[in-house]
């Protein structure tokens, strides 16, 4: 496992332990972990390999669901923090999907084997 994968794996474990499986998770801790994950994803791009080896996408999805659930159960003081954590988690999931999905436009090939890309001329 590379150093980058170890960092993502560590953050995935924190998501699981401190948000998903915690009996009383802290909104502040959730925001901190998700902010660290956001910072890490900006400095080191997400790849399919990292997603498979660390299961960060799966754990991030579970964390987003937990944030949404705790947001509904919390007091008015915590709702804003849970909302911030939820928005960050959803933004990260979207970024991870975009980073790992190949562009259909670049790979588009007609039946006759030619490309639709007009920049080839």
PDB file of N, CA and C in Angstrom:
ATOM      1  N   UNK A   1       0.850  -1.174   0.000  1.00  0.00           N
ATOM      2  CA  UNK A   1       0.000   0.000   0.000  1.00  0.00           C
ATOM      3  C   UNK A   1       0.898   1.241   0.000  1.00  0.00           C
ATOM      4  N   UNK A   2       0.609   2.155  -0.902  1.00  0.00           N
ATOM      5  CA  UNK A   2       1.409   3.372  -1.001  1.00  0.00           C
ATOM      6  C   UNK A   2       1.100   4.323   0.158  1.00  0.00           C
ATOM      7  N   UNK A   3       1.936   5.333   0.310  1.00  0.00           N
ATOM      8  CA  UNK A   3       1.731   6.312   1.381  1.00  0.00           C
ATOM      9  C   UNK A   3       0.403   7.044   1.196  1.00  0.00           C
ATOM     10  N   UNK A   4       0.061   7.328  -0.051  1.00  0.00           N
ATOM     11  CA  UNK A   4      -1.206   8.000  -0.357  1.00  0.00           C
ATOM     12  C   UNK A   4      -2.388   7.118   0.056  1.00  0.00           C
ATOM     13  N   UNK A   5      -2.298   5.836  -0.283  1.00  0.00           N
ATOM     14  CA  UNK A   5      -3.370   4.908   0.092  1.00  0.00           C
ATOM     15  C   UNK A   5      -3.464   4.753   1.600  1.00  0.00           C
ATOM     16  N   UNK A   6      -2.327   4.776   2.292  1.00  0.00           N
ATOM     17  CA  UNK A   6      -2.338   4.670   3.756  1.00  0.00           C
ATOM     18  C   UNK A   6      -3.051   5.860   4.380  1.00  0.00           C
ATOM     19  N   UNK A   7      -2.829   7.050   3.813  1.00  0.00           N
ATOM     20  CA  UNK A   7      -3.488   8.247   4.335  1.00  0.00           C
ATOM     21  C   UNK A   7      -5.002   8.149   4.139  1.00  0.00           C
ATOM     22  N   UNK A   8      -5.418   7.743   2.935  1.00  0.00           N
ATOM     23  CA  UNK A   8      -6.851   7.584   2.672  1.00  0.00           C
ATOM     24  C   UNK A   8      -7.447   6.478   3.551  1.00  0.00           C
ATOM     25  N   UNK A   9      -6.703   5.400   3.754  1.00  0.00           N
ATOM     26  CA  UNK A   9      -7.186   4.309   4.601  1.00  0.00           C
ATOM     27  C   UNK A   9      -7.360   4.776   6.042  1.00  0.00           C
ATOM     28  N   UNK A  10      -6.438   5.603   6.507  1.00  0.00           N
ATOM     29  CA  UNK A  10      -6.531   6.149   7.861  1.00  0.00           C
ATOM     30  C   UNK A  10      -7.769   7.036   8.010  1.00  0.00           C
ATOM     31  N   UNK A  11      -8.015   7.867   7.017  1.00  0.00           N
ATOM     32  CA  UNK A  11      -9.202   8.726   7.056  1.00  0.00           C
ATOM     33  C   UNK A  11     -10.485   7.903   6.943  1.00  0.00           C
ATOM     34  N   UNK A  12     -10.447   6.831   6.148  1.00  0.00           N
ATOM     35  CA  UNK A  12     -11.611   5.947   6.031  1.00  0.00           C
ATOM     36  C   UNK A  12     -11.922   5.297   7.374  1.00  0.00           C
ATOM     37  N   UNK A  13     -10.883   4.847   8.075  1.00  0.00           N
ATOM     38  CA  UNK A  13     -11.075   4.240   9.394  1.00  0.00           C
ATOM     39  C   UNK A  13     -11.648   5.257  10.376  1.00  0.00           C
ATOM     40  N   UNK A  14     -11.174   6.500  10.294  1.00  0.00           N
ATOM     41  CA  UNK A  14     -11.707   7.554  11.165  1.00  0.00           C
ATOM     42  C   UNK A  14     -13.173   7.818  10.877  1.00  0.00           C
ATOM     43  N   UNK A  15     -13.539   7.833   9.584  1.00  0.00           N
ATOM     44  CA  UNK A  15     -14.951   8.010   9.226  1.00  0.00           C
ATOM     45  C   UNK A  15     -15.800   6.913   9.849  1.00  0.00           C
ATOM     46  N   UNK A  16     -15.324   5.693   9.720  1.00  0.00           N
ATOM     47  CA  UNK A  16     -16.078   4.549  10.218  1.00  0.00           C
ATOM     48  C   UNK A  16     -16.170   4.561  11.743  1.00  0.00           C
ATOM     49  N   UNK A  17     -15.032   4.784  12.406  1.00  0.00           N
ATOM     50  CA  UNK A  17     -14.998   4.719  13.869  1.00  0.00           C
ATOM     51  C   UNK A  17     -15.675   5.916  14.544  1.00  0.00           C
ATOM     52  N   UNK A  18     -15.440   7.107  14.013  1.00  0.00           N
ATOM     53  CA  UNK A  18     -15.886   8.319  14.705  1.00  0.00           C
ATOM     54  C   UNK A  18     -17.244   8.844  14.266  1.00  0.00           C
ATOM     55  N   UNK A  19     -17.725   8.415  13.107  1.00  0.00           N
ATOM     56  CA  UNK A  19     -19.018   8.914  12.632  1.00  0.00           C
ATOM     57  C   UNK A  19     -20.038   7.784  12.503  1.00  0.00           C
ATOM     58  N   UNK A  20     -19.687   6.754  11.759  1.00  0.00           N
ATOM     59  CA  UNK A  20     -20.657   5.703  11.445  1.00  0.00           C
ATOM     60  C   UNK A  20     -20.933   4.806  12.642  1.00  0.00           C
ATOM     61  N   UNK A  21     -19.881   4.301  13.279  1.00  0.00           N
ATOM     62  CA  UNK A  21     -20.060   3.322  14.357  1.00  0.00           C
ATOM     63  C   UNK A  21     -20.070   3.917  15.759  1.00  0.00           C
ATOM     64  N   UNK A  22     -19.891   5.214  15.889  1.00  0.00           N
ATOM     65  CA  UNK A  22     -19.862   5.851  17.208  1.00  0.00           C
ATOM     66  C   UNK A  22     -21.267   5.900  17.802  1.00  0.00           C
ATOM     67  N   UNK A  23     -21.360   5.671  19.106  1.00  0.00           N
ATOM     68  CA  UNK A  23     -22.670   5.715  19.755  1.00  0.00           C
ATOM     69  C   UNK A  23     -23.187   7.145  19.842  1.00  0.00           C
ATOM     70  N   UNK A  24     -22.288   8.096  20.093  1.00  0.00           N
ATOM     71  CA  UNK A  24     -22.664   9.505  20.120  1.00  0.00           C
ATOM     72  C   UNK A  24     -21.630  10.309  19.329  1.00  0.00           C
ATOM     73  N   UNK A  25     -21.756  10.324  18.012  1.00  0.00           N
ATOM     74  CA  UNK A  25     -20.764  11.038  17.206  1.00  0.00           C
ATOM     75  C   UNK A  25     -20.864  12.550  17.392  1.00  0.00           C
ATOM     76  N   UNK A  26     -19.741  13.193  17.211  1.00  0.00           N
ATOM     77  CA  UNK A  26     -19.662  14.642  17.342  1.00  0.00           C
ATOM     78  C   UNK A  26     -19.707  15.280  15.956  1.00  0.00           C
ATOM     79  N   UNK A  27     -20.564  16.272  15.794  1.00  0.00           N
ATOM     80  CA  UNK A  27     -20.648  16.984  14.518  1.00  0.00           C
ATOM     81  C   UNK A  27     -19.333  17.690  14.224  1.00  0.00           C
ATOM     82  N   UNK A  28     -18.715  18.222  15.260  1.00  0.00           N
ATOM     83  CA  UNK A  28     -17.439  18.914  15.085  1.00  0.00           C
ATOM     84  C   UNK A  28     -16.358  17.950  14.595  1.00  0.00           C
ATOM     85  N   UNK A  29     -16.320  16.756  15.146  1.00  0.00           N
ATOM     86  CA  UNK A  29     -15.341  15.746  14.721  1.00  0.00           C
ATOM     87  C   UNK A  29     -15.618  15.324  13.272  1.00  0.00           C
ATOM     88  N   UNK A  30     -16.877  15.183  12.916  1.00  0.00           N
ATOM     89  CA  UNK A  30     -17.242  14.814  11.549  1.00  0.00           C
ATOM     90  C   UNK A  30     -16.757  15.876  10.566  1.00  0.00           C
ATOM     91  N   UNK A  31     -16.962  17.136  10.903  1.00  0.00           N
ATOM     92  CA  UNK A  31     -16.516  18.232  10.044  1.00  0.00           C
ATOM     93  C   UNK A  31     -14.989  18.204   9.914  1.00  0.00           C
ATOM     94  N   UNK A  32     -14.292  17.955  11.014  1.00  0.00           N
ATOM     95  CA  UNK A  32     -12.827  17.911  10.992  1.00  0.00           C
ATOM     96  C   UNK A  32     -12.304  16.795  10.088  1.00  0.00           C
ATOM     97  N   UNK A  33     -12.868  15.608  10.217  1.00  0.00           N
ATOM     98  CA  UNK A  33     -12.421  14.465   9.409  1.00  0.00           C
ATOM     99  C   UNK A  33     -12.702  14.721   7.933  1.00  0.00           C
ATOM    100  N   UNK A  34     -13.891  15.216   7.644  1.00  0.00           N
ATOM    101  CA  UNK A  34     -14.260  15.468   6.248  1.00  0.00           C
ATOM    102  C   UNK A  34     -13.428  16.607   5.650  1.00  0.00           C
ATOM    103  N   UNK A  35     -13.085  17.596   6.448  1.00  0.00           N
ATOM    104  CA  UNK A  35     -12.216  18.685   5.968  1.00  0.00           C
ATOM    105  C   UNK A  35     -10.816  18.142   5.659  1.00  0.00           C
ATOM    106  N   UNK A  36     -10.323  17.257   6.503  1.00  0.00           N
ATOM    107  CA  UNK A  36      -9.012  16.640   6.255  1.00  0.00           C
ATOM    108  C   UNK A  36      -9.046  15.796   4.983  1.00  0.00           C
ATOM    109  N   UNK A  37     -10.140  15.073   4.782  1.00  0.00           N
ATOM    110  CA  UNK A  37     -10.292  14.261   3.574  1.00  0.00           C
ATOM    111  C   UNK A  37     -10.373  15.154   2.336  1.00  0.00           C
ATOM    112  N   UNK A  38     -11.071  16.273   2.452  1.00  0.00           N
ATOM    113  CA  UNK A  38     -11.176  17.217   1.334  1.00  0.00           C
ATOM    114  C   UNK A  38      -9.801  17.796   0.989  1.00  0.00           C
ATOM    115  N   UNK A  39      -9.046  18.166   2.012  1.00  0.00           N
ATOM    116  CA  UNK A  39      -7.703  18.704   1.807  1.00  0.00           C
ATOM    117  C   UNK A  39      -6.806  17.660   1.145  1.00  0.00           C
ATOM    118  N   UNK A  40      -6.889  16.436   1.604  1.00  0.00           N
ATOM    119  CA  UNK A  40      -6.083  15.344   1.057  1.00  0.00           C
ATOM    120  C   UNK A  40      -6.458  15.065  -0.401  1.00  0.00           C
ATOM    121  N   UNK A  41      -7.741  15.089  -0.697  1.00  0.00           N
ATOM    122  CA  UNK A  41      -8.182  14.798  -2.062  1.00  0.00           C
ATOM    123  C   UNK A  41      -7.788  15.910  -3.030  1.00  0.00           C
ATOM    124  N   UNK A  42      -7.625  17.135  -2.525  1.00  0.00           N
ATOM    125  CA  UNK A  42      -7.171  18.231  -3.381  1.00  0.00           C
ATOM    126  C   UNK A  42      -5.681  18.122  -3.688  1.00  0.00           C
ATOM    127  N   UNK A  43      -4.910  17.576  -2.751  1.00  0.00           N
ATOM    128  CA  UNK A  43      -3.464  17.481  -2.968  1.00  0.00           C
ATOM    129  C   UNK A  43      -3.058  16.196  -3.683  1.00  0.00           C
ATOM    130  N   UNK A  44      -3.813  15.129  -3.476  1.00  0.00           N
ATOM    131  CA  UNK A  44      -3.503  13.853  -4.119  1.00  0.00           C
ATOM    132  C   UNK A  44      -4.769  13.335  -4.792  1.00  0.00           C
ATOM    133  N   UNK A  45      -4.768  13.252  -6.112  1.00  0.00           N
ATOM    134  CA  UNK A  45      -5.998  12.884  -6.826  1.00  0.00           C
ATOM    135  C   UNK A  45      -6.474  11.470  -6.520  1.00  0.00           C
ATOM    136  N   UNK A  46      -7.786  11.312  -6.541  1.00  0.00           N
ATOM    137  CA  UNK A  46      -8.413  10.022  -6.295  1.00  0.00           C
ATOM    138  C   UNK A  46      -8.296   9.155  -7.544  1.00  0.00           C
ATOM    139  N   UNK A  47      -8.022   7.869  -7.337  1.00  0.00           N
ATOM    140  CA  UNK A  47      -7.964   6.912  -8.441  1.00  0.00           C
ATOM    141  C   UNK A  47      -8.852   5.724  -8.110  1.00  0.00           C
ATOM    142  N   UNK A  48      -9.156   4.934  -9.120  1.00  0.00           N
ATOM    143  CA  UNK A  48      -9.960   3.740  -8.911  1.00  0.00           C
ATOM    144  C   UNK A  48      -9.223   2.784  -7.974  1.00  0.00           C
ATOM    145  N   UNK A  49      -7.925   2.700  -8.121  1.00  0.00           N
ATOM    146  CA  UNK A  49      -7.118   1.824  -7.269  1.00  0.00           C
ATOM    147  C   UNK A  49      -7.249   2.204  -5.793  1.00  0.00           C
ATOM    148  N   UNK A  50      -7.173   3.502  -5.509  1.00  0.00           N
ATOM    149  CA  UNK A  50      -7.304   3.967  -4.122  1.00  0.00           C
ATOM    150  C   UNK A  50      -8.697   3.642  -3.593  1.00  0.00           C
ATOM    151  N   UNK A  51      -9.715   3.867  -4.409  1.00  0.00           N
ATOM    152  CA  UNK A  51     -11.081   3.565  -3.987  1.00  0.00           C
ATOM    153  C   UNK A  51     -11.252   2.089  -3.656  1.00  0.00           C
ATOM    154  N   UNK A  52     -10.676   1.230  -4.488  1.00  0.00           N
ATOM    155  CA  UNK A  52     -10.801  -0.218  -4.255  1.00  0.00           C
ATOM    156  C   UNK A  52     -10.025  -0.667  -3.032  1.00  0.00           C
ATOM    157  N   UNK A  53      -8.798  -0.187  -2.893  1.00  0.00           N
ATOM    158  CA  UNK A  53      -7.937  -0.656  -1.804  1.00  0.00           C
ATOM    159  C   UNK A  53      -8.317  -0.116  -0.445  1.00  0.00           C
ATOM    160  N   UNK A  54      -8.865   1.092  -0.383  1.00  0.00           N
ATOM    161  CA  UNK A  54      -9.164   1.708   0.913  1.00  0.00           C
ATOM    162  C   UNK A  54     -10.646   1.667   1.285  1.00  0.00           C
ATOM    163  N   UNK A  55     -11.511   1.433   0.297  1.00  0.00           N
ATOM    164  CA  UNK A  55     -12.969   1.447   0.492  1.00  0.00           C
ATOM    165  C   UNK A  55     -13.469   2.803   0.992  1.00  0.00           C
ATOM    166  N   UNK A  56     -12.727   3.855   0.672  1.00  0.00           N
ATOM    167  CA  UNK A  56     -13.074   5.194   1.145  1.00  0.00           C
ATOM    168  C   UNK A  56     -14.430   5.650   0.614  1.00  0.00           C
ATOM    169  N   UNK A  57     -14.760   5.290  -0.607  1.00  0.00           N
ATOM    170  CA  UNK A  57     -16.047   5.686  -1.173  1.00  0.00           C
ATOM    171  C   UNK A  57     -17.213   5.070  -0.425  1.00  0.00           C
ATOM    172  N   UNK A  58     -17.068   3.802  -0.087  1.00  0.00           N
ATOM    173  CA  UNK A  58     -18.110   3.096   0.659  1.00  0.00           C
ATOM    174  C   UNK A  58     -18.290   3.707   2.053  1.00  0.00           C
ATOM    175  N   UNK A  59     -17.175   3.973   2.714  1.00  0.00           N
ATOM    176  CA  UNK A  59     -17.252   4.529   4.060  1.00  0.00           C
ATOM    177  C   UNK A  59     -17.745   5.979   4.047  1.00  0.00           C
ATOM    178  N   UNK A  60     -17.392   6.710   3.007  1.00  0.00           N
ATOM    179  CA  UNK A  60     -17.861   8.083   2.883  1.00  0.00           C
ATOM    180  C   UNK A  60     -19.372   8.123   2.657  1.00  0.00           C
ATOM    181  N   UNK A  61     -19.892   7.178   1.882  1.00  0.00           N
ATOM    182  CA  UNK A  61     -21.338   7.081   1.673  1.00  0.00           C
ATOM    183  C   UNK A  61     -22.046   6.790   2.996  1.00  0.00           C
ATOM    184  N   UNK A  62     -21.494   5.859   3.766  1.00  0.00           N
ATOM    185  CA  UNK A  62     -22.081   5.543   5.074  1.00  0.00           C
ATOM    186  C   UNK A  62     -22.009   6.740   6.009  1.00  0.00           C
ATOM    187  N   UNK A  63     -20.905   7.469   5.956  1.00  0.00           N
ATOM    188  CA  UNK A  63     -20.757   8.651   6.815  1.00  0.00           C
ATOM    189  C   UNK A  63     -21.773   9.722   6.432  1.00  0.00           C
ATOM    190  N   UNK A  64     -22.019   9.907   5.137  1.00  0.00           N
ATOM    191  CA  UNK A  64     -23.012  10.895   4.697  1.00  0.00           C
ATOM    192  C   UNK A  64     -24.395  10.524   5.213  1.00  0.00           C
ATOM    193  N   UNK A  65     -24.735   9.241   5.137  1.00  0.00           N
ATOM    194  CA  UNK A  65     -26.034   8.793   5.655  1.00  0.00           C
ATOM    195  C   UNK A  65     -26.119   8.999   7.161  1.00  0.00           C
ATOM    196  N   UNK A  66     -25.036   8.742   7.869  1.00  0.00           N
ATOM    197  CA  UNK A  66     -25.019   8.947   9.323  1.00  0.00           C
ATOM    198  C   UNK A  66     -25.163  10.421   9.666  1.00  0.00           C
ATOM    199  N   UNK A  67     -24.495  11.278   8.909  1.00  0.00           N
ATOM    200  CA  UNK A  67     -24.609  12.728   9.145  1.00  0.00           C
ATOM    201  C   UNK A  67     -26.048  13.182   8.958  1.00  0.00           C
ATOM    202  N   UNK A  68     -26.683  12.680   7.926  1.00  0.00           N
ATOM    203  CA  UNK A  68     -28.076  13.040   7.661  1.00  0.00           C
ATOM    204  C   UNK A  68     -28.981  12.557   8.798  1.00  0.00           C
ATOM    205  N   UNK A  69     -28.737  11.353   9.269  1.00  0.00           N
ATOM    206  CA  UNK A  69     -29.543  10.798  10.357  1.00  0.00           C
ATOM    207  C   UNK A  69     -29.344  11.594  11.648  1.00  0.00           C
ATOM    208  N   UNK A  70     -28.096  11.922  11.973  1.00  0.00           N
ATOM    209  CA  UNK A  70     -27.818  12.660  13.206  1.00  0.00           C
ATOM    210  C   UNK A  70     -28.285  14.109  13.114  1.00  0.00           C
ATOM    211  N   UNK A  71     -28.283  14.650  11.910  1.00  0.00           N
ATOM    212  CA  UNK A  71     -28.790  16.015  11.712  1.00  0.00           C
ATOM    213  C   UNK A  71     -30.258  16.088  12.127  1.00  0.00           C
ATOM    214  N   UNK A  72     -31.032  15.075  11.766  1.00  0.00           N
ATOM    215  CA  UNK A  72     -32.449  15.055  12.105  1.00  0.00           C
ATOM    216  C   UNK A  72     -32.717  14.866  13.583  1.00  0.00           C
ATOM    217  N   UNK A  73     -31.796  14.213  14.271  1.00  0.00           N
ATOM    218  CA  UNK A  73     -31.978  13.915  15.694  1.00  0.00           C
ATOM    219  C   UNK A  73     -31.338  14.938  16.626  1.00  0.00           C
ATOM    220  N   UNK A  74     -30.560  15.860  16.088  1.00  0.00           N
ATOM    221  CA  UNK A  74     -29.780  16.743  16.947  1.00  0.00           C
ATOM    222  C   UNK A  74     -30.558  17.996  17.347  1.00  0.00           C
ATOM    223  N   UNK A  75     -29.960  18.726  18.269  1.00  0.00           N
ATOM    224  CA  UNK A  75     -30.539  19.999  18.699  1.00  0.00           C
ATOM    225  C   UNK A  75     -30.274  21.046  17.623  1.00  0.00           C
ATOM    226  N   UNK A  76     -30.903  22.166  17.752  1.00  0.00           N
ATOM    227  CA  UNK A  76     -30.755  23.216  16.738  1.00  0.00           C
ATOM    228  C   UNK A  76     -29.316  23.728  16.652  1.00  0.00           C
ATOM    229  N   UNK A  77     -28.576  23.670  17.747  1.00  0.00           N
ATOM    230  CA  UNK A  77     -27.182  24.129  17.744  1.00  0.00           C
ATOM    231  C   UNK A  77     -26.307  23.254  16.856  1.00  0.00           C
ATOM    232  N   UNK A  78     -26.532  21.958  16.866  1.00  0.00           N
ATOM    233  CA  UNK A  78     -25.709  21.015  16.104  1.00  0.00           C
ATOM    234  C   UNK A  78     -26.154  20.859  14.653  1.00  0.00           C
ATOM    235  N   UNK A  79     -27.365  21.235  14.344  1.00  0.00           N
ATOM    236  CA  UNK A  79     -27.893  21.005  12.986  1.00  0.00           C
ATOM    237  C   UNK A  79     -27.041  21.672  11.917  1.00  0.00           C
ATOM    238  N   UNK A  80     -26.555  22.874  12.189  1.00  0.00           N
ATOM    239  CA  UNK A  80     -25.727  23.573  11.198  1.00  0.00           C
ATOM    240  C   UNK A  80     -24.415  22.827  10.947  1.00  0.00           C
ATOM    241  N   UNK A  81     -23.815  22.308  12.008  1.00  0.00           N
ATOM    242  CA  UNK A  81     -22.569  21.553  11.843  1.00  0.00           C
ATOM    243  C   UNK A  81     -22.811  20.240  11.107  1.00  0.00           C
ATOM    244  N   UNK A  82     -23.901  19.556  11.439  1.00  0.00           N
ATOM    245  CA  UNK A  82     -24.219  18.318  10.723  1.00  0.00           C
ATOM    246  C   UNK A  82     -24.520  18.604   9.260  1.00  0.00           C
ATOM    247  N   UNK A  83     -25.174  19.723   9.014  1.00  0.00           N
ATOM    248  CA  UNK A  83     -25.475  20.108   7.636  1.00  0.00           C
ATOM    249  C   UNK A  83     -24.188  20.382   6.861  1.00  0.00           C
ATOM    250  N   UNK A  84     -23.243  21.054   7.503  1.00  0.00           N
ATOM    251  CA  UNK A  84     -21.942  21.319   6.874  1.00  0.00           C
ATOM    252  C   UNK A  84     -21.208  20.006   6.573  1.00  0.00           C
ATOM    253  N   UNK A  85     -21.232  19.083   7.529  1.00  0.00           N
ATOM    254  CA  UNK A  85     -20.584  17.787   7.326  1.00  0.00           C
ATOM    255  C   UNK A  85     -21.238  17.031   6.177  1.00  0.00           C
ATOM    256  N   UNK A  86     -22.559  17.063   6.115  1.00  0.00           N
ATOM    257  CA  UNK A  86     -23.295  16.372   5.052  1.00  0.00           C
ATOM    258  C   UNK A  86     -22.961  16.960   3.683  1.00  0.00           C
ATOM    259  N   UNK A  87     -22.938  18.279   3.591  1.00  0.00           N
ATOM    260  CA  UNK A  87     -22.609  18.928   2.312  1.00  0.00           C
ATOM    261  C   UNK A  87     -21.186  18.593   1.872  1.00  0.00           C
ATOM    262  N   UNK A  88     -20.257  18.575   2.810  1.00  0.00           N
ATOM    263  CA  UNK A  88     -18.871  18.241   2.488  1.00  0.00           C
ATOM    264  C   UNK A  88     -18.764  16.793   2.011  1.00  0.00           C
ATOM    265  N   UNK A  89     -19.446  15.885   2.693  1.00  0.00           N
ATOM    266  CA  UNK A  89     -19.408  14.473   2.305  1.00  0.00           C
ATOM    267  C   UNK A  89     -19.998  14.274   0.910  1.00  0.00           C
ATOM    268  N   UNK A  90     -21.110  14.927   0.638  1.00  0.00           N
ATOM    269  CA  UNK A  90     -21.733  14.789  -0.680  1.00  0.00           C
ATOM    270  C   UNK A  90     -20.864  15.394  -1.774  1.00  0.00           C
ATOM    271  N   UNK A  91     -20.203  16.508  -1.476  1.00  0.00           N
ATOM    272  CA  UNK A  91     -19.302  17.126  -2.453  1.00  0.00           C
ATOM    273  C   UNK A  91     -18.107  16.214  -2.740  1.00  0.00           C
ATOM    274  N   UNK A  92     -17.577  15.591  -1.703  1.00  0.00           N
ATOM    275  CA  UNK A  92     -16.458  14.665  -1.880  1.00  0.00           C
ATOM    276  C   UNK A  92     -16.875  13.456  -2.720  1.00  0.00           C
ATOM    277  N   UNK A  93     -18.047  12.925  -2.436  1.00  0.00           N
ATOM    278  CA  UNK A  93     -18.540  11.786  -3.228  1.00  0.00           C
ATOM    279  C   UNK A  93     -18.673  12.161  -4.695  1.00  0.00           C
ATOM    280  N   UNK A  94     -19.189  13.339  -4.949  1.00  0.00           N
ATOM    281  CA  UNK A  94     -19.332  13.816  -6.319  1.00  0.00           C
ATOM    282  C   UNK A  94     -17.965  13.973  -6.991  1.00  0.00           C
ATOM    283  N   UNK A  95     -17.014  14.543  -6.262  1.00  0.00           N
ATOM    284  CA  UNK A  95     -15.660  14.710  -6.796  1.00  0.00           C
ATOM    285  C   UNK A  95     -15.013  13.361  -7.095  1.00  0.00           C
ATOM    286  N   UNK A  96     -15.205  12.391  -6.200  1.00  0.00           N
ATOM    287  CA  UNK A  96     -14.617  11.067  -6.404  1.00  0.00           C
ATOM    288  C   UNK A  96     -15.233  10.395  -7.626  1.00  0.00           C
ATOM    289  N   UNK A  97     -16.538  10.549  -7.805  1.00  0.00           N
ATOM    290  CA  UNK A  97     -17.200   9.969  -8.985  1.00  0.00           C
ATOM    291  C   UNK A  97     -16.660  10.603 -10.261  1.00  0.00           C
ATOM    292  N   UNK A  98     -16.549  11.926 -10.252  1.00  0.00           N
ATOM    293  CA  UNK A  98     -16.056  12.638 -11.432  1.00  0.00           C
ATOM    294  C   UNK A  98     -14.609  12.263 -11.752  1.00  0.00           C
ATOM    295  N   UNK A  99     -13.798  12.113 -10.725  1.00  0.00           N
ATOM    296  CA  UNK A  99     -12.386  11.812 -10.930  1.00  0.00           C
ATOM    297  C   UNK A  99     -12.157  10.413 -11.486  1.00  0.00           C
ATOM    298  N   UNK A 100     -13.051   9.504 -11.192  1.00  0.00           N
ATOM    299  CA  UNK A 100     -12.840   8.115 -11.607  1.00  0.00           C
ATOM    300  C   UNK A 100     -13.678   7.704 -12.805  1.00  0.00           C
ATOM    301  N   UNK A 101     -14.552   8.582 -13.284  1.00  0.00           N
ATOM    302  CA  UNK A 101     -15.375   8.265 -14.440  1.00  0.00           C
ATOM    303  C   UNK A 101     -14.700   8.815 -15.689  1.00  0.00           C
ATOM    304  N   UNK A 102     -14.381   7.949 -16.639  1.00  0.00           N
ATOM    305  CA  UNK A 102     -13.756   8.451 -17.861  1.00  0.00           C
ATOM    306  C   UNK A 102     -14.747   9.287 -18.661  1.00  0.00           C
ATOM    307  N   UNK A 103     -14.247  10.274 -19.330  1.00  0.00           N
ATOM    308  CA  UNK A 103     -15.088  11.145 -20.127  1.00  0.00           C
ATOM    309  C   UNK A 103     -15.627  10.389 -21.336  1.00  0.00           C
ATOM    310  N   UNK A 104     -16.934  10.406 -21.515  1.00  0.00           N
ATOM    311  CA  UNK A 104     -17.549   9.711 -22.644  1.00  0.00           C
ATOM    312  C   UNK A 104     -17.251  10.433 -23.953  1.00  0.00           C
ATOM    313  N   UNK A 105     -17.138  11.750 -23.895  1.00  0.00           N
ATOM    314  CA  UNK A 105     -16.894  12.549 -25.094  1.00  0.00           C
ATOM    315  C   UNK A 105     -15.531  12.196 -25.704  1.00  0.00           C
ATOM    316  N   UNK A 106     -14.509  12.061 -24.864  1.00  0.00           N
ATOM    317  CA  UNK A 106     -13.171  11.766 -25.362  1.00  0.00           C
ATOM    318  C   UNK A 106     -13.075  10.360 -25.951  1.00  0.00           C
ATOM    319  N   UNK A 107     -13.863   9.443 -25.421  1.00  0.00           N
ATOM    320  CA  UNK A 107     -13.784   8.057 -25.849  1.00  0.00           C
ATOM    321  C   UNK A 107     -14.819   7.702 -26.894  1.00  0.00           C
ATOM    322  N   UNK A 108     -15.615   8.658 -27.349  1.00  0.00           N
ATOM    323  CA  UNK A 108     -16.679   8.375 -28.300  1.00  0.00           C
ATOM    324  C   UNK A 108     -16.084   8.035 -29.662  1.00  0.00           C
ATOM    325  N   UNK A 109     -16.495   6.893 -30.185  1.00  0.00           N
ATOM    326  CA  UNK A 109     -16.047   6.453 -31.504  1.00  0.00           C
ATOM    327  C   UNK A 109     -17.278   6.009 -32.273  1.00  0.00           C
ATOM    328  N   UNK A 110     -17.392   6.467 -33.515  1.00  0.00           N
ATOM    329  CA  UNK A 110     -18.513   6.075 -34.360  1.00  0.00           C
ATOM    330  C   UNK A 110     -18.378   4.624 -34.796  1.00  0.00           C
ATOM    331  N   UNK A 111     -19.453   4.089 -35.369  1.00  0.00           N
ATOM    332  CA  UNK A 111     -19.445   2.701 -35.828  1.00  0.00           C
ATOM    333  C   UNK A 111     -18.379   2.451 -36.890  1.00  0.00           C
ATOM    334  N   UNK A 112     -18.084   3.477 -37.692  1.00  0.00           N
ATOM    335  CA  UNK A 112     -17.083   3.304 -38.744  1.00  0.00           C
ATOM    336  C   UNK A 112     -15.656   3.487 -38.235  1.00  0.00           C
ATOM    337  N   UNK A 113     -15.479   3.693 -36.917  1.00  0.00           N
ATOM    338  CA  UNK A 113     -14.156   3.785 -36.323  1.00  0.00           C
ATOM    339  C   UNK A 113     -13.603   5.193 -36.238  1.00  0.00           C
ATOM    340  N   UNK A 114     -14.342   6.175 -36.725  1.00  0.00           N
ATOM    341  CA  UNK A 114     -13.887   7.559 -36.644  1.00  0.00           C
ATOM    342  C   UNK A 114     -14.386   8.198 -35.359  1.00  0.00           C
ATOM    343  N   UNK A 115     -13.715   9.228 -34.958  1.00  0.00           N
ATOM    344  CA  UNK A 115     -14.069   9.936 -33.729  1.00  0.00           C
ATOM    345  C   UNK A 115     -14.941  11.140 -34.043  1.00  0.00           C
ATOM    346  N   UNK A 116     -15.789  11.524 -33.087  1.00  0.00           N
ATOM    347  CA  UNK A 116     -16.616  12.725 -33.225  1.00  0.00           C
ATOM    348  C   UNK A 116     -15.847  13.975 -32.824  1.00  0.00           C
ATOM    349  N   UNK A 117     -14.635  13.817 -32.329  1.00  0.00           N
ATOM    350  CA  UNK A 117     -13.872  14.945 -31.841  1.00  0.00           C
ATOM    351  C   UNK A 117     -13.450  15.838 -33.004  1.00  0.00           C
ATOM    352  N   UNK A 118     -13.919  17.086 -33.024  1.00  0.00           N
ATOM    353  CA  UNK A 118     -13.664  18.029 -34.113  1.00  0.00           C
ATOM    354  C   UNK A 118     -12.249  18.610 -34.063  1.00  0.00           C
ATOM    355  N   UNK A 119     -11.565  18.445 -32.898  1.00  0.00           N
ATOM    356  CA  UNK A 119     -10.233  19.018 -32.747  1.00  0.00           C
ATOM    357  C   UNK A 119      -9.162  18.208 -33.457  1.00  0.00           C
ATOM    358  N   UNK A 120      -9.499  17.080 -34.030  1.00  0.00           N
ATOM    359  CA  UNK A 120      -8.504  16.239 -34.683  1.00  0.00           C
ATOM    360  C   UNK A 120      -8.005  16.843 -35.975  1.00  0.00           C
ATOM    361  N   UNK A 121      -8.715  17.770 -36.566  1.00  0.00           N
ATOM    362  CA  UNK A 121      -8.362  18.329 -37.861  1.00  0.00           C
ATOM    363  C   UNK A 121      -7.153  19.120 -37.700  1.00  0.00           C
TER     364      UNK A 121
END
